[in-house]
């Protein structure tokens, strides 16, 4: 399964806002667009959608921007993905109205992929936005692989110690 670019950018906006939660000034669309190298106009549509869904509080004008409307610990990732993805028809047989597959009555593919999708969402349903913001610890790095310090936007190399 592949998430759409819309969902990818939605999650990035939410994560960026979560990373800036304690900041005095709100996050701006321009700031996020520059940090991720994403079209400002595309992000504007995503931010409007997130605001309409109750995830972001937005303020227009000078000094305006966006903030999470509720704490990161209260934003479920499975719910965000379900809200932003429009099509979970992984294969033709998932769509009863348009299924033309001649194997459907003798095939376990739909059942197996349905279980896989259920597992996919079970993992996402168990995560909150706050969970995604926990830094990766040094114990998680394989031997010989250096980690970078994660900051809002793009990762920057950590200072050598």
N, C-alpha and C. Protein backbone atom coordinates (compact mmCIF):
# COMPACT_ATOMS: atom_id res chain seq x y z
N UNK A 1 0.85 -1.18 0.00
CA UNK A 1 0.00 0.00 0.00
C UNK A 1 0.89 1.24 0.00
N UNK A 2 0.45 2.22 -0.71
CA UNK A 2 1.20 3.48 -0.80
C UNK A 2 0.28 4.63 -0.41
N UNK A 3 0.75 5.46 0.52
CA UNK A 3 -0.02 6.62 0.91
C UNK A 3 0.13 7.70 -0.15
N UNK A 4 -0.91 8.48 -0.32
CA UNK A 4 -0.86 9.57 -1.29
C UNK A 4 0.07 10.68 -0.78
N UNK A 5 0.48 11.52 -1.71
CA UNK A 5 1.29 12.67 -1.36
C UNK A 5 0.53 13.58 -0.38
N UNK A 6 -0.78 13.68 -0.55
CA UNK A 6 -1.62 14.48 0.32
C UNK A 6 -1.47 14.03 1.78
N UNK A 7 -1.56 12.72 2.00
CA UNK A 7 -1.43 12.18 3.36
C UNK A 7 -0.01 12.37 3.88
N UNK A 8 0.97 12.16 3.04
CA UNK A 8 2.37 12.36 3.42
C UNK A 8 2.57 13.79 3.91
N UNK A 9 2.13 14.76 3.13
CA UNK A 9 2.29 16.16 3.49
C UNK A 9 1.46 16.52 4.71
N UNK A 10 0.29 15.93 4.84
CA UNK A 10 -0.56 16.15 6.01
C UNK A 10 0.18 15.74 7.28
N UNK A 11 0.78 14.56 7.24
CA UNK A 11 1.51 14.07 8.41
C UNK A 11 2.73 14.95 8.69
N UNK A 12 3.39 15.43 7.65
CA UNK A 12 4.54 16.31 7.83
C UNK A 12 4.14 17.63 8.50
N UNK A 13 3.03 18.21 8.05
CA UNK A 13 2.56 19.46 8.65
C UNK A 13 2.24 19.24 10.12
N UNK A 14 1.54 18.17 10.43
CA UNK A 14 1.19 17.89 11.83
C UNK A 14 2.44 17.66 12.67
N UNK A 15 3.40 16.93 12.13
CA UNK A 15 4.64 16.67 12.88
C UNK A 15 5.43 17.96 13.08
N UNK A 16 5.48 18.80 12.08
CA UNK A 16 6.19 20.08 12.20
C UNK A 16 5.54 20.93 13.29
N UNK A 17 4.21 21.00 13.27
CA UNK A 17 3.50 21.78 14.28
C UNK A 17 3.71 21.19 15.68
N UNK A 18 3.74 19.87 15.77
CA UNK A 18 3.99 19.22 17.07
C UNK A 18 5.39 19.53 17.58
N UNK A 19 6.37 19.56 16.67
CA UNK A 19 7.74 19.86 17.06
C UNK A 19 7.89 21.30 17.54
N UNK A 20 6.98 22.17 17.12
CA UNK A 20 7.04 23.59 17.48
C UNK A 20 6.00 23.96 18.54
N UNK A 21 5.42 22.97 19.19
CA UNK A 21 4.28 23.19 20.10
C UNK A 21 4.54 24.23 21.19
N UNK A 22 5.72 24.26 21.76
CA UNK A 22 5.98 25.19 22.86
C UNK A 22 6.43 26.57 22.42
N UNK A 23 6.50 26.80 21.16
CA UNK A 23 7.02 28.04 20.59
C UNK A 23 6.03 29.19 20.74
N UNK A 24 6.54 30.40 20.95
CA UNK A 24 5.67 31.57 21.12
C UNK A 24 4.93 31.92 19.83
N UNK A 25 5.63 31.98 18.71
CA UNK A 25 4.99 32.36 17.45
C UNK A 25 4.45 31.11 16.74
N UNK A 26 3.31 31.25 16.06
CA UNK A 26 2.75 30.09 15.35
C UNK A 26 3.61 29.71 14.13
N UNK A 27 3.42 28.51 13.67
CA UNK A 27 4.09 28.00 12.47
C UNK A 27 3.41 28.61 11.25
N UNK A 28 4.20 28.98 10.25
CA UNK A 28 3.61 29.52 9.02
C UNK A 28 3.71 28.50 7.90
N UNK A 29 2.83 28.65 6.94
CA UNK A 29 2.84 27.77 5.77
C UNK A 29 4.15 27.93 5.01
N UNK A 30 4.62 29.17 4.89
CA UNK A 30 5.88 29.43 4.20
C UNK A 30 7.03 28.71 4.88
N UNK A 31 7.05 28.73 6.18
CA UNK A 31 8.09 28.07 6.96
C UNK A 31 8.12 26.56 6.67
N UNK A 32 6.95 25.94 6.69
CA UNK A 32 6.86 24.50 6.42
C UNK A 32 7.23 24.21 4.97
N UNK A 33 6.74 25.04 4.05
CA UNK A 33 7.04 24.85 2.62
C UNK A 33 8.54 24.90 2.37
N UNK A 34 9.22 25.86 2.98
CA UNK A 34 10.66 25.97 2.80
C UNK A 34 11.42 24.84 3.48
N UNK A 35 10.95 24.42 4.65
CA UNK A 35 11.63 23.34 5.38
C UNK A 35 11.57 22.02 4.63
N UNK A 36 10.45 21.76 3.96
CA UNK A 36 10.27 20.48 3.28
C UNK A 36 10.42 20.56 1.76
N UNK A 37 10.56 21.76 1.23
CA UNK A 37 10.66 21.90 -0.23
C UNK A 37 9.36 21.54 -0.93
N UNK A 38 8.25 21.99 -0.35
CA UNK A 38 6.91 21.67 -0.86
C UNK A 38 6.25 22.97 -1.33
N UNK A 39 5.43 22.88 -2.35
CA UNK A 39 4.69 24.02 -2.87
C UNK A 39 3.84 24.67 -1.79
N UNK A 40 3.96 25.99 -1.65
CA UNK A 40 3.21 26.73 -0.66
C UNK A 40 1.70 26.63 -0.94
N UNK A 41 1.31 26.71 -2.21
CA UNK A 41 -0.11 26.65 -2.55
C UNK A 41 -0.71 25.27 -2.23
N UNK A 42 0.07 24.22 -2.43
CA UNK A 42 -0.39 22.87 -2.10
C UNK A 42 -0.56 22.74 -0.59
N UNK A 43 0.41 23.26 0.16
CA UNK A 43 0.31 23.20 1.62
C UNK A 43 -0.87 24.01 2.14
N UNK A 44 -1.19 25.10 1.49
CA UNK A 44 -2.33 25.92 1.91
C UNK A 44 -3.61 25.10 1.88
N UNK A 45 -3.80 24.30 0.85
CA UNK A 45 -4.99 23.45 0.75
C UNK A 45 -4.99 22.40 1.86
N UNK A 46 -3.84 21.84 2.14
CA UNK A 46 -3.73 20.83 3.20
C UNK A 46 -4.03 21.45 4.56
N UNK A 47 -3.48 22.62 4.82
CA UNK A 47 -3.72 23.30 6.09
C UNK A 47 -5.19 23.66 6.24
N UNK A 48 -5.83 24.10 5.17
CA UNK A 48 -7.27 24.40 5.23
C UNK A 48 -8.06 23.14 5.59
N UNK A 49 -7.69 22.02 4.99
CA UNK A 49 -8.36 20.75 5.28
C UNK A 49 -8.14 20.34 6.74
N UNK A 50 -6.90 20.46 7.21
CA UNK A 50 -6.60 20.10 8.60
C UNK A 50 -7.35 21.00 9.58
N UNK A 51 -7.50 22.26 9.22
CA UNK A 51 -8.25 23.18 10.06
C UNK A 51 -9.74 22.80 10.09
N UNK A 52 -10.30 22.48 8.92
CA UNK A 52 -11.71 22.08 8.83
C UNK A 52 -11.98 20.79 9.59
N UNK A 53 -10.99 19.91 9.66
CA UNK A 53 -11.15 18.64 10.37
C UNK A 53 -10.88 18.76 11.87
N UNK A 54 -10.47 19.94 12.32
CA UNK A 54 -10.25 20.16 13.75
C UNK A 54 -8.87 19.80 14.25
N UNK A 55 -7.92 19.65 13.36
CA UNK A 55 -6.55 19.33 13.77
C UNK A 55 -5.70 20.57 14.00
N UNK A 56 -5.96 21.63 13.21
CA UNK A 56 -5.16 22.86 13.32
C UNK A 56 -6.05 24.05 13.63
N UNK A 57 -5.49 24.95 14.42
CA UNK A 57 -6.10 26.25 14.67
C UNK A 57 -5.29 27.24 13.84
N UNK A 58 -5.95 27.94 12.93
CA UNK A 58 -5.23 28.85 12.04
C UNK A 58 -5.67 30.29 12.29
N UNK A 59 -4.71 31.20 12.11
CA UNK A 59 -4.95 32.63 12.25
C UNK A 59 -4.38 33.31 11.02
N UNK A 60 -5.18 34.17 10.38
CA UNK A 60 -4.73 34.86 9.18
C UNK A 60 -4.05 36.18 9.55
N UNK A 61 -3.30 36.68 8.58
CA UNK A 61 -2.72 38.01 8.72
C UNK A 61 -1.36 38.03 9.39
N UNK A 62 -0.89 39.24 9.62
CA UNK A 62 0.43 39.45 10.23
C UNK A 62 0.46 38.82 11.62
N UNK A 63 1.49 38.05 11.87
CA UNK A 63 1.60 37.36 13.14
C UNK A 63 0.76 36.09 13.20
N UNK A 64 0.09 35.77 12.09
CA UNK A 64 -0.76 34.58 12.05
C UNK A 64 0.04 33.33 11.73
N UNK A 65 -0.66 32.25 11.65
CA UNK A 65 -0.03 30.97 11.36
C UNK A 65 -0.93 29.84 11.83
N UNK A 66 -0.32 28.76 12.24
CA UNK A 66 -1.11 27.60 12.65
C UNK A 66 -0.49 26.93 13.86
N UNK A 67 -1.34 26.32 14.64
CA UNK A 67 -0.95 25.54 15.82
C UNK A 67 -1.86 24.32 15.87
N UNK A 68 -1.39 23.30 16.57
CA UNK A 68 -2.25 22.14 16.79
C UNK A 68 -3.45 22.58 17.61
N UNK A 69 -4.62 22.11 17.24
CA UNK A 69 -5.84 22.48 17.96
C UNK A 69 -5.97 21.66 19.25
N UNK A 70 -5.35 20.49 19.27
CA UNK A 70 -5.36 19.67 20.48
C UNK A 70 -3.96 19.11 20.68
N UNK A 71 -3.64 18.62 21.86
CA UNK A 71 -2.30 18.10 22.11
C UNK A 71 -1.94 16.94 21.17
N UNK A 72 -0.67 16.84 20.86
CA UNK A 72 -0.18 15.78 19.96
C UNK A 72 -0.56 14.39 20.48
N UNK A 73 -0.64 14.24 21.78
CA UNK A 73 -0.98 12.93 22.36
C UNK A 73 -2.43 12.54 22.08
N UNK A 74 -3.26 13.51 21.66
CA UNK A 74 -4.67 13.25 21.38
C UNK A 74 -4.98 13.12 19.89
N UNK A 75 -3.95 13.15 19.05
CA UNK A 75 -4.16 13.03 17.60
C UNK A 75 -3.71 11.64 17.18
N UNK A 76 -4.69 10.82 16.79
CA UNK A 76 -4.43 9.44 16.40
C UNK A 76 -4.01 9.36 14.93
N UNK A 77 -2.91 8.70 14.67
CA UNK A 77 -2.36 8.62 13.30
C UNK A 77 -3.27 7.80 12.39
N UNK A 78 -3.84 6.72 12.87
CA UNK A 78 -4.77 5.93 12.06
C UNK A 78 -5.96 6.75 11.61
N UNK A 79 -6.49 7.58 12.50
CA UNK A 79 -7.63 8.43 12.16
C UNK A 79 -7.24 9.47 11.11
N UNK A 80 -6.03 10.03 11.23
CA UNK A 80 -5.57 11.02 10.24
C UNK A 80 -5.45 10.37 8.87
N UNK A 81 -4.85 9.18 8.81
CA UNK A 81 -4.67 8.50 7.53
C UNK A 81 -6.03 8.14 6.92
N UNK A 82 -6.94 7.63 7.72
CA UNK A 82 -8.28 7.31 7.20
C UNK A 82 -8.98 8.55 6.67
N UNK A 83 -8.78 9.69 7.35
CA UNK A 83 -9.45 10.93 6.95
C UNK A 83 -8.86 11.51 5.66
N UNK A 84 -7.60 11.26 5.40
CA UNK A 84 -6.94 11.90 4.26
C UNK A 84 -6.77 10.99 3.05
N UNK A 85 -6.86 9.70 3.24
CA UNK A 85 -6.77 8.78 2.10
C UNK A 85 -8.17 8.57 1.53
N UNK A 86 -8.27 8.53 0.23
CA UNK A 86 -9.58 8.40 -0.39
C UNK A 86 -9.87 7.01 -0.93
N UNK A 87 -8.85 6.16 -1.03
CA UNK A 87 -9.05 4.88 -1.70
C UNK A 87 -8.24 3.78 -1.03
N UNK A 88 -8.94 2.83 -0.44
CA UNK A 88 -8.26 1.69 0.16
C UNK A 88 -8.49 0.42 -0.64
N UNK A 89 -8.85 0.58 -1.90
CA UNK A 89 -9.02 -0.57 -2.80
C UNK A 89 -7.63 -0.97 -3.28
N UNK A 90 -7.05 -1.94 -2.60
CA UNK A 90 -5.67 -2.36 -2.90
C UNK A 90 -5.63 -3.15 -4.21
N UNK A 91 -6.60 -4.00 -4.40
CA UNK A 91 -6.74 -4.76 -5.64
C UNK A 91 -8.20 -4.72 -6.08
N UNK A 92 -8.44 -5.06 -7.30
CA UNK A 92 -9.78 -4.96 -7.89
C UNK A 92 -10.87 -5.64 -7.07
N UNK A 93 -10.56 -6.79 -6.49
CA UNK A 93 -11.60 -7.54 -5.79
C UNK A 93 -12.07 -6.88 -4.49
N UNK A 94 -11.39 -5.82 -4.05
CA UNK A 94 -11.84 -5.06 -2.88
C UNK A 94 -13.05 -4.19 -3.22
N UNK A 95 -13.27 -3.96 -4.49
CA UNK A 95 -14.37 -3.11 -4.95
C UNK A 95 -15.45 -4.00 -5.58
N UNK A 96 -16.45 -4.34 -4.78
CA UNK A 96 -17.49 -5.27 -5.23
C UNK A 96 -18.23 -4.78 -6.47
N UNK A 97 -18.41 -3.47 -6.62
CA UNK A 97 -19.14 -2.93 -7.76
C UNK A 97 -18.37 -3.06 -9.08
N UNK A 98 -17.05 -2.97 -9.02
CA UNK A 98 -16.25 -2.98 -10.24
C UNK A 98 -15.37 -4.22 -10.40
N UNK A 99 -15.57 -5.22 -9.56
CA UNK A 99 -14.74 -6.41 -9.60
C UNK A 99 -15.07 -7.26 -10.84
N UNK A 100 -14.08 -7.42 -11.69
CA UNK A 100 -14.23 -8.24 -12.90
C UNK A 100 -13.33 -9.48 -12.85
N UNK A 101 -12.66 -9.69 -11.71
CA UNK A 101 -11.71 -10.79 -11.61
C UNK A 101 -12.45 -12.13 -11.61
N UNK A 102 -12.03 -13.02 -12.47
CA UNK A 102 -12.66 -14.34 -12.59
C UNK A 102 -12.20 -15.30 -11.51
N UNK A 103 -11.16 -14.92 -10.78
CA UNK A 103 -10.64 -15.79 -9.73
C UNK A 103 -11.26 -15.52 -8.36
N UNK A 104 -12.03 -14.48 -8.24
CA UNK A 104 -12.53 -14.03 -6.94
C UNK A 104 -13.15 -15.13 -6.09
N UNK A 105 -13.92 -15.99 -6.70
CA UNK A 105 -14.60 -17.02 -5.91
C UNK A 105 -13.66 -18.15 -5.49
N UNK A 106 -12.45 -18.21 -6.05
CA UNK A 106 -11.51 -19.30 -5.74
C UNK A 106 -10.17 -18.77 -5.21
N UNK A 107 -10.14 -17.52 -4.79
CA UNK A 107 -8.87 -16.88 -4.47
C UNK A 107 -8.88 -16.37 -3.03
N UNK A 108 -7.75 -16.51 -2.36
CA UNK A 108 -7.62 -16.02 -1.00
C UNK A 108 -6.94 -14.65 -0.93
N UNK A 109 -6.58 -14.08 -2.08
CA UNK A 109 -5.84 -12.83 -2.10
C UNK A 109 -6.58 -11.71 -1.37
N UNK A 110 -7.88 -11.59 -1.62
CA UNK A 110 -8.65 -10.54 -0.96
C UNK A 110 -8.60 -10.70 0.56
N UNK A 111 -8.74 -11.90 1.04
CA UNK A 111 -8.70 -12.17 2.47
C UNK A 111 -7.33 -11.84 3.06
N UNK A 112 -6.27 -12.27 2.39
CA UNK A 112 -4.92 -12.04 2.88
C UNK A 112 -4.59 -10.54 2.89
N UNK A 113 -4.93 -9.86 1.80
CA UNK A 113 -4.67 -8.43 1.75
C UNK A 113 -5.55 -7.66 2.72
N UNK A 114 -6.75 -8.15 2.96
CA UNK A 114 -7.63 -7.53 3.96
C UNK A 114 -7.02 -7.64 5.36
N UNK A 115 -6.44 -8.80 5.67
CA UNK A 115 -5.75 -8.98 6.95
C UNK A 115 -4.54 -8.07 7.05
N UNK A 116 -3.80 -7.95 5.95
CA UNK A 116 -2.62 -7.07 5.93
C UNK A 116 -3.03 -5.63 6.17
N UNK A 117 -4.12 -5.19 5.52
CA UNK A 117 -4.59 -3.82 5.72
C UNK A 117 -5.04 -3.63 7.16
N UNK A 118 -5.69 -4.64 7.71
CA UNK A 118 -6.10 -4.58 9.11
C UNK A 118 -4.91 -4.42 10.04
N UNK A 119 -3.83 -5.14 9.74
CA UNK A 119 -2.60 -5.04 10.54
C UNK A 119 -1.97 -3.66 10.38
N UNK A 120 -1.97 -3.15 9.15
CA UNK A 120 -1.43 -1.82 8.86
C UNK A 120 -2.14 -0.78 9.72
N UNK A 121 -3.48 -0.82 9.73
CA UNK A 121 -4.23 0.15 10.52
C UNK A 121 -4.14 -0.11 12.02
N UNK A 122 -3.96 -1.36 12.42
CA UNK A 122 -3.79 -1.64 13.84
C UNK A 122 -2.54 -0.94 14.38
N UNK A 123 -1.48 -0.94 13.59
CA UNK A 123 -0.25 -0.25 13.99
C UNK A 123 -0.49 1.25 14.04
N UNK A 124 -1.10 1.81 13.00
CA UNK A 124 -1.35 3.26 12.97
C UNK A 124 -2.33 3.68 14.06
N UNK A 125 -3.33 2.85 14.34
CA UNK A 125 -4.31 3.17 15.37
C UNK A 125 -3.68 3.20 16.77
N UNK A 126 -2.58 2.50 16.94
CA UNK A 126 -1.90 2.46 18.23
C UNK A 126 -0.94 3.64 18.42
N UNK A 127 -0.81 4.49 17.41
CA UNK A 127 0.13 5.61 17.47
C UNK A 127 -0.58 6.96 17.54
N UNK A 128 0.03 7.86 18.30
CA UNK A 128 -0.43 9.24 18.32
C UNK A 128 0.65 10.10 17.66
N UNK A 129 0.31 11.33 17.39
CA UNK A 129 1.28 12.26 16.83
C UNK A 129 2.46 12.41 17.79
N UNK A 130 2.19 12.41 19.07
CA UNK A 130 3.26 12.51 20.07
C UNK A 130 4.24 11.34 19.94
N UNK A 131 3.74 10.14 19.67
CA UNK A 131 4.59 8.96 19.50
C UNK A 131 5.57 9.14 18.34
N UNK A 132 5.12 9.83 17.29
CA UNK A 132 5.98 10.03 16.12
C UNK A 132 7.09 11.04 16.40
N UNK A 133 6.94 11.81 17.46
CA UNK A 133 7.90 12.86 17.76
C UNK A 133 9.00 12.42 18.71
N UNK A 134 8.95 11.18 19.19
CA UNK A 134 9.98 10.67 20.09
C UNK A 134 11.25 10.46 19.28
N UNK A 135 12.36 11.09 19.70
CA UNK A 135 13.61 10.93 18.94
C UNK A 135 14.08 9.48 18.94
N UNK A 136 14.72 9.11 17.86
CA UNK A 136 15.30 7.77 17.76
C UNK A 136 16.54 7.74 18.63
N UNK A 137 16.62 6.78 19.54
CA UNK A 137 17.76 6.69 20.44
C UNK A 137 18.96 6.03 19.80
N UNK A 138 20.14 6.22 20.40
CA UNK A 138 21.37 5.64 19.84
C UNK A 138 21.32 4.11 19.83
N UNK A 139 20.55 3.50 20.73
CA UNK A 139 20.48 2.05 20.75
C UNK A 139 19.83 1.49 19.49
N UNK A 140 19.01 2.30 18.83
CA UNK A 140 18.30 1.84 17.64
C UNK A 140 19.18 1.89 16.39
N UNK A 141 20.33 2.56 16.47
CA UNK A 141 21.20 2.69 15.29
C UNK A 141 22.03 1.42 15.10
N UNK A 142 21.99 0.84 13.91
CA UNK A 142 22.84 -0.33 13.65
C UNK A 142 24.32 0.05 13.74
N UNK A 143 25.16 -0.92 14.02
CA UNK A 143 26.60 -0.67 14.14
C UNK A 143 27.13 -0.04 12.86
N UNK A 144 27.94 0.99 13.03
CA UNK A 144 28.57 1.64 11.88
C UNK A 144 27.71 2.69 11.21
N UNK A 145 26.48 2.89 11.69
CA UNK A 145 25.59 3.88 11.09
C UNK A 145 25.47 5.05 12.05
N UNK A 146 25.75 6.25 11.55
CA UNK A 146 25.64 7.43 12.41
C UNK A 146 24.24 8.02 12.28
N UNK A 147 23.72 8.49 13.38
CA UNK A 147 22.40 9.10 13.40
C UNK A 147 22.53 10.61 13.23
N UNK A 148 21.49 11.22 12.73
CA UNK A 148 21.45 12.68 12.64
C UNK A 148 20.44 13.18 13.65
N UNK A 149 20.66 14.39 14.12
CA UNK A 149 19.73 15.01 15.05
C UNK A 149 18.51 15.47 14.26
N UNK A 150 17.33 15.06 14.71
CA UNK A 150 16.11 15.45 14.01
C UNK A 150 15.62 16.79 14.53
N UNK A 151 15.37 17.69 13.62
CA UNK A 151 14.85 19.01 13.96
C UNK A 151 13.68 19.28 13.04
N UNK A 152 12.81 20.23 13.38
CA UNK A 152 11.73 20.54 12.44
C UNK A 152 12.29 20.85 11.06
N UNK A 153 11.70 20.28 10.07
CA UNK A 153 12.19 20.46 8.70
C UNK A 153 13.11 19.33 8.31
N UNK A 154 14.26 19.67 7.86
CA UNK A 154 15.19 18.67 7.36
C UNK A 154 16.20 18.29 8.43
N UNK A 155 16.65 17.02 8.44
CA UNK A 155 17.65 16.63 9.45
C UNK A 155 18.98 17.35 9.19
N UNK A 156 19.65 17.67 10.27
CA UNK A 156 20.98 18.27 10.19
C UNK A 156 21.95 17.34 10.88
N UNK A 157 23.18 17.22 10.37
CA UNK A 157 24.15 16.34 11.02
C UNK A 157 24.38 16.76 12.46
N UNK A 158 24.44 15.77 13.37
CA UNK A 158 24.70 16.04 14.77
C UNK A 158 26.17 16.38 14.92
N UNK A 159 26.49 17.21 15.90
CA UNK A 159 27.88 17.59 16.15
C UNK A 159 28.67 16.37 16.60
N UNK A 160 29.89 16.27 16.13
CA UNK A 160 30.76 15.14 16.52
C UNK A 160 31.12 15.26 17.98
N UNK A 161 31.09 14.12 18.67
CA UNK A 161 31.43 14.15 20.10
C UNK A 161 32.71 13.45 20.39
